[in-house]
Amino acid sequence: QLQAYGGGSVQPGGSLKLSCAASGRTLSLYGMGWFRQAPGKGREFVAAITWSASTTRYADSVKGRFTISRDNAKNTVYLQMNSLKTEDTAVYSCAATLSGGVPFTDREYRYWGQGTLVTVSS
């Protein structure tokens, strides 16, 4: 079971760090991704990382502002979000994939966690 947490409200230009923890599952066996869904919109890929952290991938909209990382010893994946914009407001969810790469389509992710809400507003 996956659980994302760390969301909250922040002003534009601010930062948040999301975490995704697993219980009953060893995350080091999986590639991991972050997705988000804004109100009234579909799910959108944000970032992904391989099980070894050797490769990462980002959506163009967050490249240079967000950083995905993982600590397999802590069974946790992170999403550091800097320079947040109002358009980053969404529910952020983490997901696990058995793919050896960094897929950006949600159908390649097998396990999903409950999301955490990020609100960017002045």
N, C-alpha and C. Protein backbone atom coordinates (compact mmCIF):
# COMPACT_ATOMS: atom_id res chain seq x y z
N GLN A 1 0.84 -1.18 0.00
CA GLN A 1 0.00 0.00 0.00
C GLN A 1 0.88 1.24 0.00
N LEU A 2 0.53 2.20 -0.86
CA LEU A 2 1.29 3.44 -0.98
C LEU A 2 0.50 4.59 -0.39
N GLN A 3 1.20 5.51 0.21
CA GLN A 3 0.54 6.69 0.77
C GLN A 3 1.41 7.90 0.51
N ALA A 4 0.82 8.89 -0.16
CA ALA A 4 1.51 10.14 -0.38
C ALA A 4 1.13 11.11 0.72
N TYR A 5 2.09 11.91 1.16
CA TYR A 5 1.79 12.92 2.16
C TYR A 5 2.78 14.08 2.01
N GLY A 6 2.47 15.15 2.71
CA GLY A 6 3.32 16.32 2.65
C GLY A 6 2.70 17.50 1.91
N GLY A 7 1.49 17.32 1.40
CA GLY A 7 0.83 18.40 0.71
C GLY A 7 0.41 19.50 1.65
N GLY A 8 -0.07 20.59 1.08
CA GLY A 8 -0.52 21.70 1.89
C GLY A 8 -0.74 22.92 1.03
N SER A 9 -0.87 24.05 1.68
CA SER A 9 -1.07 25.30 0.97
C SER A 9 0.21 26.12 1.00
N VAL A 10 0.53 26.71 -0.12
CA VAL A 10 1.76 27.49 -0.22
C VAL A 10 1.52 28.63 -1.20
N GLN A 11 2.26 29.70 -1.04
CA GLN A 11 2.15 30.83 -1.95
C GLN A 11 2.98 30.57 -3.20
N PRO A 12 2.63 31.22 -4.29
CA PRO A 12 3.44 31.09 -5.51
C PRO A 12 4.90 31.43 -5.22
N GLY A 13 5.78 30.62 -5.78
CA GLY A 13 7.20 30.78 -5.53
C GLY A 13 7.71 29.97 -4.37
N GLY A 14 6.80 29.39 -3.60
CA GLY A 14 7.18 28.60 -2.45
C GLY A 14 7.58 27.19 -2.81
N SER A 15 7.87 26.41 -1.76
CA SER A 15 8.34 25.03 -1.94
C SER A 15 7.57 24.08 -1.03
N LEU A 16 7.49 22.84 -1.48
CA LEU A 16 6.95 21.75 -0.69
C LEU A 16 7.70 20.50 -1.04
N LYS A 17 7.77 19.58 -0.10
CA LYS A 17 8.38 18.29 -0.37
C LYS A 17 7.37 17.20 -0.05
N LEU A 18 7.01 16.46 -1.07
CA LEU A 18 6.09 15.35 -0.90
C LEU A 18 6.86 14.06 -0.65
N SER A 19 6.24 13.18 0.10
CA SER A 19 6.81 11.87 0.34
C SER A 19 5.80 10.80 -0.02
N CYS A 20 6.31 9.66 -0.42
CA CYS A 20 5.46 8.51 -0.73
C CYS A 20 6.06 7.32 0.00
N ALA A 21 5.32 6.82 0.96
CA ALA A 21 5.80 5.70 1.75
C ALA A 21 5.00 4.45 1.44
N ALA A 22 5.64 3.32 1.61
CA ALA A 22 4.98 2.06 1.32
C ALA A 22 4.91 1.19 2.57
N SER A 23 3.81 0.51 2.69
CA SER A 23 3.69 -0.48 3.75
C SER A 23 3.34 -1.82 3.11
N GLY A 24 4.02 -2.85 3.55
CA GLY A 24 3.74 -4.16 2.99
C GLY A 24 4.28 -4.36 1.59
N ARG A 25 5.12 -3.46 1.16
CA ARG A 25 5.68 -3.57 -0.18
C ARG A 25 7.07 -2.95 -0.18
N THR A 26 8.02 -3.59 -0.85
CA THR A 26 9.38 -3.08 -0.92
C THR A 26 9.53 -2.21 -2.15
N LEU A 27 9.62 -0.92 -1.98
CA LEU A 27 9.67 -0.01 -3.11
C LEU A 27 10.91 -0.16 -3.97
N SER A 28 11.97 -0.71 -3.41
CA SER A 28 13.22 -0.85 -4.18
C SER A 28 13.05 -1.79 -5.37
N LEU A 29 11.97 -2.55 -5.40
CA LEU A 29 11.71 -3.44 -6.51
C LEU A 29 11.03 -2.74 -7.68
N TYR A 30 10.60 -1.50 -7.46
CA TYR A 30 9.77 -0.82 -8.44
C TYR A 30 10.34 0.51 -8.89
N GLY A 31 10.05 0.83 -10.16
CA GLY A 31 10.17 2.21 -10.57
C GLY A 31 9.00 2.97 -9.97
N MET A 32 9.20 4.24 -9.74
CA MET A 32 8.16 5.04 -9.08
C MET A 32 7.85 6.28 -9.88
N GLY A 33 6.61 6.69 -9.81
CA GLY A 33 6.20 7.90 -10.51
C GLY A 33 5.31 8.76 -9.64
N TRP A 34 5.29 10.02 -9.99
CA TRP A 34 4.35 10.96 -9.40
C TRP A 34 3.43 11.47 -10.50
N PHE A 35 2.17 11.52 -10.19
CA PHE A 35 1.16 12.06 -11.09
C PHE A 35 0.34 13.09 -10.33
N ARG A 36 -0.36 13.93 -11.05
CA ARG A 36 -1.23 14.89 -10.40
C ARG A 36 -2.52 15.06 -11.19
N GLN A 37 -3.53 15.48 -10.46
CA GLN A 37 -4.82 15.74 -11.09
C GLN A 37 -5.39 17.02 -10.54
N ALA A 38 -5.49 18.00 -11.41
CA ALA A 38 -6.05 19.29 -11.03
C ALA A 38 -7.57 19.22 -11.09
N PRO A 39 -8.25 20.09 -10.39
CA PRO A 39 -9.71 20.08 -10.40
C PRO A 39 -10.27 20.19 -11.81
N GLY A 40 -11.13 19.26 -12.17
CA GLY A 40 -11.76 19.28 -13.48
C GLY A 40 -10.89 18.84 -14.63
N LYS A 41 -9.70 18.31 -14.32
CA LYS A 41 -8.79 17.89 -15.37
C LYS A 41 -8.41 16.42 -15.20
N GLY A 42 -7.79 15.87 -16.22
CA GLY A 42 -7.37 14.49 -16.17
C GLY A 42 -6.05 14.33 -15.44
N ARG A 43 -5.68 13.08 -15.19
CA ARG A 43 -4.42 12.79 -14.53
C ARG A 43 -3.25 13.14 -15.43
N GLU A 44 -2.23 13.72 -14.84
CA GLU A 44 -1.07 14.20 -15.59
C GLU A 44 0.22 13.66 -14.98
N PHE A 45 1.09 13.19 -15.84
CA PHE A 45 2.41 12.72 -15.39
C PHE A 45 3.24 13.90 -14.88
N VAL A 46 3.97 13.67 -13.80
CA VAL A 46 4.84 14.70 -13.24
C VAL A 46 6.30 14.29 -13.31
N ALA A 47 6.63 13.13 -12.74
CA ALA A 47 8.03 12.71 -12.68
C ALA A 47 8.09 11.21 -12.42
N ALA A 48 9.21 10.61 -12.80
CA ALA A 48 9.41 9.18 -12.55
C ALA A 48 10.88 8.92 -12.28
N ILE A 49 11.14 7.80 -11.61
CA ILE A 49 12.51 7.43 -11.25
C ILE A 49 12.61 5.92 -11.28
N THR A 50 13.75 5.41 -11.77
CA THR A 50 13.95 3.97 -11.78
C THR A 50 14.23 3.46 -10.38
N TRP A 51 14.19 2.12 -10.22
CA TRP A 51 14.37 1.54 -8.90
C TRP A 51 15.73 1.89 -8.31
N SER A 52 16.73 2.05 -9.18
CA SER A 52 18.09 2.34 -8.72
C SER A 52 18.37 3.83 -8.64
N ALA A 53 17.40 4.64 -9.07
CA ALA A 53 17.58 6.09 -9.12
C ALA A 53 18.58 6.53 -10.19
N SER A 54 18.91 5.63 -11.10
CA SER A 54 19.90 5.97 -12.13
C SER A 54 19.31 6.87 -13.21
N THR A 55 18.00 6.80 -13.36
CA THR A 55 17.33 7.58 -14.41
C THR A 55 16.09 8.25 -13.85
N THR A 56 15.90 9.50 -14.25
CA THR A 56 14.69 10.22 -13.89
C THR A 56 14.08 10.84 -15.14
N ARG A 57 12.81 11.19 -15.01
CA ARG A 57 12.10 11.79 -16.14
C ARG A 57 11.10 12.79 -15.58
N TYR A 58 10.95 13.90 -16.28
CA TYR A 58 10.05 14.95 -15.80
C TYR A 58 9.14 15.43 -16.92
N ALA A 59 7.97 15.86 -16.53
CA ALA A 59 7.11 16.57 -17.47
C ALA A 59 7.75 17.91 -17.76
N ASP A 60 7.56 18.40 -18.97
CA ASP A 60 8.15 19.68 -19.34
C ASP A 60 7.67 20.80 -18.41
N SER A 61 6.47 20.69 -17.93
CA SER A 61 5.89 21.75 -17.10
C SER A 61 6.56 21.89 -15.74
N VAL A 62 7.28 20.86 -15.31
CA VAL A 62 7.92 20.92 -13.99
C VAL A 62 9.43 20.82 -14.05
N LYS A 63 9.97 20.59 -15.23
CA LYS A 63 11.41 20.41 -15.39
C LYS A 63 12.15 21.64 -14.89
N GLY A 64 13.17 21.41 -14.08
CA GLY A 64 13.95 22.51 -13.52
C GLY A 64 13.40 23.06 -12.22
N ARG A 65 12.17 22.66 -11.88
CA ARG A 65 11.56 23.13 -10.62
C ARG A 65 11.33 21.98 -9.64
N PHE A 66 11.02 20.80 -10.16
CA PHE A 66 10.74 19.65 -9.31
C PHE A 66 11.90 18.65 -9.40
N THR A 67 12.12 17.93 -8.30
CA THR A 67 13.13 16.89 -8.27
C THR A 67 12.56 15.64 -7.60
N ILE A 68 12.63 14.53 -8.31
CA ILE A 68 12.21 13.26 -7.74
C ILE A 68 13.44 12.53 -7.22
N SER A 69 13.29 11.89 -6.08
CA SER A 69 14.40 11.13 -5.50
C SER A 69 13.81 9.98 -4.69
N ARG A 70 14.68 9.11 -4.24
CA ARG A 70 14.20 7.99 -3.44
C ARG A 70 15.27 7.56 -2.44
N ASP A 71 14.79 6.97 -1.37
CA ASP A 71 15.66 6.38 -0.36
C ASP A 71 15.13 4.97 -0.13
N ASN A 72 15.73 4.01 -0.78
CA ASN A 72 15.23 2.64 -0.69
C ASN A 72 15.36 2.07 0.71
N ALA A 73 16.34 2.54 1.45
CA ALA A 73 16.50 2.07 2.83
C ALA A 73 15.31 2.49 3.69
N LYS A 74 14.72 3.62 3.34
CA LYS A 74 13.56 4.12 4.09
C LYS A 74 12.24 3.78 3.39
N ASN A 75 12.37 3.07 2.25
CA ASN A 75 11.17 2.66 1.51
C ASN A 75 10.29 3.86 1.16
N THR A 76 10.94 4.93 0.74
CA THR A 76 10.24 6.20 0.51
C THR A 76 10.75 6.86 -0.77
N VAL A 77 9.82 7.50 -1.46
CA VAL A 77 10.13 8.29 -2.64
C VAL A 77 9.70 9.72 -2.36
N TYR A 78 10.45 10.67 -2.90
CA TYR A 78 10.19 12.07 -2.61
C TYR A 78 9.95 12.87 -3.89
N LEU A 79 9.26 13.97 -3.73
CA LEU A 79 9.12 14.95 -4.81
C LEU A 79 9.34 16.33 -4.20
N GLN A 80 10.50 16.89 -4.48
CA GLN A 80 10.80 18.25 -4.02
C GLN A 80 10.27 19.22 -5.06
N MET A 81 9.41 20.11 -4.63
CA MET A 81 8.77 21.05 -5.54
C MET A 81 9.16 22.47 -5.16
N ASN A 82 9.85 23.13 -6.05
CA ASN A 82 10.29 24.51 -5.83
C ASN A 82 9.64 25.43 -6.85
N SER A 83 9.70 26.71 -6.57
CA SER A 83 9.15 27.72 -7.49
C SER A 83 7.73 27.36 -7.92
N LEU A 84 6.92 27.02 -6.95
CA LEU A 84 5.57 26.57 -7.25
C LEU A 84 4.73 27.66 -7.89
N LYS A 85 3.87 27.22 -8.80
CA LYS A 85 2.98 28.12 -9.52
C LYS A 85 1.53 27.75 -9.22
N THR A 86 0.63 28.66 -9.47
CA THR A 86 -0.78 28.37 -9.21
C THR A 86 -1.25 27.17 -10.02
N GLU A 87 -0.67 27.00 -11.20
CA GLU A 87 -1.09 25.87 -12.04
C GLU A 87 -0.57 24.53 -11.54
N ASP A 88 0.25 24.53 -10.49
CA ASP A 88 0.69 23.28 -9.88
C ASP A 88 -0.34 22.75 -8.88
N THR A 89 -1.37 23.52 -8.63
CA THR A 89 -2.41 23.08 -7.70
C THR A 89 -3.08 21.81 -8.21
N ALA A 90 -3.06 20.78 -7.39
CA ALA A 90 -3.60 19.47 -7.80
C ALA A 90 -3.49 18.50 -6.63
N VAL A 91 -4.12 17.36 -6.81
CA VAL A 91 -3.89 16.22 -5.93
C VAL A 91 -2.74 15.42 -6.53
N TYR A 92 -1.71 15.20 -5.75
CA TYR A 92 -0.53 14.49 -6.20
C TYR A 92 -0.56 13.06 -5.65
N SER A 93 -0.33 12.11 -6.56
CA SER A 93 -0.34 10.70 -6.18
C SER A 93 0.94 10.04 -6.63
N CYS A 94 1.36 9.04 -5.88
CA CYS A 94 2.52 8.25 -6.28
C CYS A 94 2.05 6.90 -6.78
N ALA A 95 2.89 6.29 -7.60
CA ALA A 95 2.53 5.00 -8.18
C ALA A 95 3.78 4.20 -8.43
N ALA A 96 3.62 2.88 -8.47
CA ALA A 96 4.74 1.97 -8.65
C ALA A 96 4.58 1.19 -9.94
N THR A 97 5.70 1.03 -10.65
CA THR A 97 5.69 0.31 -11.90
C THR A 97 6.75 -0.79 -11.91
N LEU A 98 6.46 -1.87 -12.62
CA LEU A 98 7.43 -2.94 -12.78
C LEU A 98 8.31 -2.71 -14.01
N SER A 99 8.02 -1.63 -14.71
CA SER A 99 8.83 -1.29 -15.88
C SER A 99 10.25 -0.95 -15.44
N GLY A 100 11.22 -1.34 -16.23
CA GLY A 100 12.60 -1.01 -15.92
C GLY A 100 12.97 0.42 -16.27
N GLY A 101 12.05 1.11 -16.95
CA GLY A 101 12.34 2.47 -17.36
C GLY A 101 11.61 3.50 -16.52
N VAL A 102 11.30 4.62 -17.13
CA VAL A 102 10.59 5.70 -16.45
C VAL A 102 9.36 6.07 -17.27
N PRO A 103 8.37 5.22 -17.25
CA PRO A 103 7.18 5.47 -18.07
C PRO A 103 6.41 6.70 -17.64
N PHE A 104 5.76 7.35 -18.62
CA PHE A 104 4.98 8.54 -18.31
C PHE A 104 3.49 8.33 -18.48
N THR A 105 3.10 7.11 -18.88
CA THR A 105 1.68 6.83 -19.02
C THR A 105 1.18 6.07 -17.81
N ASP A 106 0.02 6.46 -17.30
CA ASP A 106 -0.44 5.87 -16.05
C ASP A 106 -0.78 4.39 -16.19
N ARG A 107 -1.06 3.93 -17.40
CA ARG A 107 -1.42 2.52 -17.55
C ARG A 107 -0.24 1.59 -17.26
N GLU A 108 0.97 2.13 -17.24
CA GLU A 108 2.14 1.30 -16.96
C GLU A 108 2.44 1.19 -15.47
N TYR A 109 1.64 1.83 -14.67
CA TYR A 109 1.84 1.77 -13.22
C TYR A 109 0.81 0.84 -12.61
N ARG A 110 1.28 -0.07 -11.80
CA ARG A 110 0.40 -1.11 -11.28
C ARG A 110 -0.23 -0.73 -9.95
N TYR A 111 0.54 -0.09 -9.10
CA TYR A 111 0.04 0.21 -7.75
C TYR A 111 -0.04 1.71 -7.55
N TRP A 112 -1.11 2.13 -6.93
CA TRP A 112 -1.35 3.55 -6.73
C TRP A 112 -1.65 3.82 -5.27
N GLY A 113 -1.19 4.98 -4.82
CA GLY A 113 -1.48 5.39 -3.47
C GLY A 113 -2.51 6.50 -3.45
N GLN A 114 -3.03 6.76 -2.27
CA GLN A 114 -3.93 7.89 -2.10
C GLN A 114 -3.13 9.18 -2.23
N GLY A 115 -3.74 10.17 -2.79
CA GLY A 115 -3.03 11.40 -3.07
C GLY A 115 -3.02 12.38 -1.91
N THR A 116 -2.23 13.43 -2.14
CA THR A 116 -2.15 14.52 -1.18
C THR A 116 -2.36 15.83 -1.93
N LEU A 117 -3.14 16.72 -1.35
CA LEU A 117 -3.51 17.94 -2.04
C LEU A 117 -2.45 19.03 -1.87
N VAL A 118 -2.07 19.61 -2.99
CA VAL A 118 -1.17 20.76 -3.01
C VAL A 118 -1.95 21.95 -3.57
N THR A 119 -2.00 23.01 -2.80
CA THR A 119 -2.70 24.22 -3.22
C THR A 119 -1.72 25.37 -3.26
N VAL A 120 -1.58 25.98 -4.43
CA VAL A 120 -0.68 27.11 -4.60
C VAL A 120 -1.55 28.34 -4.88
N SER A 121 -1.54 29.25 -3.93
CA SER A 121 -2.43 30.39 -4.04
C SER A 121 -1.88 31.55 -3.22
N SER A 122 -2.13 32.75 -3.73
CA SER A 122 -1.71 33.93 -2.99
C SER A 122 -2.85 34.43 -2.10
